[in-house]
């Protein structure tokens, strides 16, 4: 998902909500019967990557301070809005497809 698409989807969302990455959901696929343990991880930094396709990595870290949605929006608006968004957690790199709101948090998926 590009930054401009993400910001458009957020239209009327409460900007005081906490943003976290939902790690582990459906990691084994729906047909395996394995129940995934889901973790909610805070975002720590943004990293710009100029590859063939311009990208931005949102790095998630267990020790990071929680970010509010308004903070993330301010950080994203400083960059080229056509960049594609990814979430990095350890060695795991996940393209951002969207989000859901649960438990008064915006959970990136």
Protein backbone atom coordinates (compact mmCIF):
# COMPACT_ATOMS: atom_id res chain seq x y z
CA UNK A 1 0.00 0.00 0.00
CA UNK A 2 1.29 3.47 -0.83
CA UNK A 3 1.47 6.23 1.77
CA UNK A 4 -1.17 8.29 -0.07
CA UNK A 5 -3.61 5.33 -0.01
CA UNK A 6 -3.01 4.73 3.70
CA UNK A 7 -3.57 8.40 4.56
CA UNK A 8 -6.77 8.47 2.49
CA UNK A 9 -8.16 5.41 4.28
CA UNK A 10 -7.54 7.08 7.64
CA UNK A 11 -9.95 9.93 6.76
CA UNK A 12 -12.17 10.18 9.85
CA UNK A 13 -10.17 7.99 12.23
CA UNK A 14 -9.49 9.29 15.75
CA UNK A 15 -5.92 10.58 15.63
CA UNK A 16 -5.34 10.02 19.36
CA UNK A 17 -5.53 6.25 18.86
CA UNK A 18 -2.35 4.16 19.41
CA UNK A 19 -0.79 2.52 16.31
CA UNK A 20 0.69 -0.99 16.59
CA UNK A 21 1.74 -3.79 14.25
CA UNK A 22 -0.27 -7.02 14.53
CA UNK A 23 2.44 -9.66 14.19
CA UNK A 24 1.68 -13.33 13.72
CA UNK A 25 -1.90 -13.23 12.45
CA UNK A 26 -2.48 -16.02 9.94
CA UNK A 27 1.23 -16.82 9.77
CA UNK A 28 0.56 -20.52 9.15
CA UNK A 29 -2.38 -20.10 6.77
CA UNK A 30 -6.03 -20.83 7.38
CA UNK A 31 -5.96 -24.48 6.27
CA UNK A 32 -3.28 -25.79 8.64
CA UNK A 33 -5.41 -25.76 11.78
CA UNK A 34 -2.53 -24.18 13.71
CA UNK A 35 -3.66 -21.35 15.97
CA UNK A 36 -1.30 -18.41 15.64
CA UNK A 37 -0.12 -16.45 18.66
CA UNK A 38 -0.67 -12.79 17.84
CA UNK A 39 1.54 -10.05 19.28
CA UNK A 40 0.90 -6.31 19.19
CA UNK A 41 4.18 -4.46 18.66
CA UNK A 42 4.87 -0.71 18.78
CA UNK A 43 6.47 1.14 15.86
CA UNK A 44 9.89 2.64 16.51
CA UNK A 45 11.39 4.24 13.38
CA UNK A 46 10.85 5.00 9.70
CA UNK A 47 13.48 4.13 7.10
CA UNK A 48 13.52 5.32 3.49
CA UNK A 49 14.66 2.77 0.89
CA UNK A 50 15.31 3.89 -2.68
CA UNK A 51 15.07 0.63 -4.59
CA UNK A 52 13.45 0.05 -8.01
CA UNK A 53 10.18 0.94 -6.38
CA UNK A 54 10.40 3.69 -3.71
CA UNK A 55 9.70 2.21 -0.28
CA UNK A 56 9.39 3.19 3.35
CA UNK A 57 9.94 0.72 6.18
CA UNK A 58 8.09 1.14 9.46
CA UNK A 59 10.29 -0.66 11.98
CA UNK A 60 8.53 -2.38 14.87
CA UNK A 61 10.33 -3.03 18.16
CA UNK A 62 9.24 -4.62 21.42
CA UNK A 63 10.87 -1.86 23.47
CA UNK A 64 9.52 1.11 21.49
CA UNK A 65 7.28 3.74 23.04
CA UNK A 66 3.71 3.64 21.65
CA UNK A 67 2.99 6.13 18.84
CA UNK A 68 -0.31 7.90 18.32
CA UNK A 69 -1.82 8.03 14.86
CA UNK A 70 -1.22 11.79 14.56
CA UNK A 71 2.54 11.20 15.11
CA UNK A 72 2.66 8.57 12.38
CA UNK A 73 0.73 10.81 9.97
CA UNK A 74 3.15 13.70 10.56
CA UNK A 75 6.14 11.44 9.89
CA UNK A 76 4.61 9.95 6.73
CA UNK A 77 3.65 13.33 5.24
CA UNK A 78 7.32 14.38 5.24
CA UNK A 79 8.08 11.83 2.50
CA UNK A 80 7.12 11.10 -1.10
CA UNK A 81 3.49 9.96 -0.86
CA UNK A 82 3.97 7.46 -3.70
CA UNK A 83 6.28 5.25 -1.60
CA UNK A 84 5.10 1.75 -0.78
CA UNK A 85 4.87 0.90 2.91
CA UNK A 86 6.39 -2.13 4.63
CA UNK A 87 6.64 -3.16 8.29
CA UNK A 88 9.93 -4.63 9.47
CA UNK A 89 10.11 -6.69 12.65
CA UNK A 90 13.47 -8.35 13.22
CA UNK A 91 14.34 -10.17 9.99
CA UNK A 92 10.69 -10.25 8.95
CA UNK A 93 9.59 -7.75 6.24
CA UNK A 94 5.84 -7.50 5.57
CA UNK A 95 4.11 -5.34 2.92
CA UNK A 96 1.39 -3.23 4.49
CA UNK A 97 -2.05 -4.17 3.18
CA UNK A 98 -4.27 -2.24 5.55
CA UNK A 99 -5.34 -2.01 9.16
CA UNK A 100 -8.14 -2.80 11.56
CA UNK A 101 -9.28 -1.05 14.70
CA UNK A 102 -9.57 -3.15 17.84
CA UNK A 103 -9.21 -2.52 21.58
CA UNK A 104 -8.95 1.22 20.90
CA UNK A 105 -5.81 0.64 18.78
CA UNK A 106 -5.11 0.90 15.07
CA UNK A 107 -3.53 -2.45 14.18
CA UNK A 108 -1.47 -2.54 10.99
CA UNK A 109 -1.81 -5.71 8.92
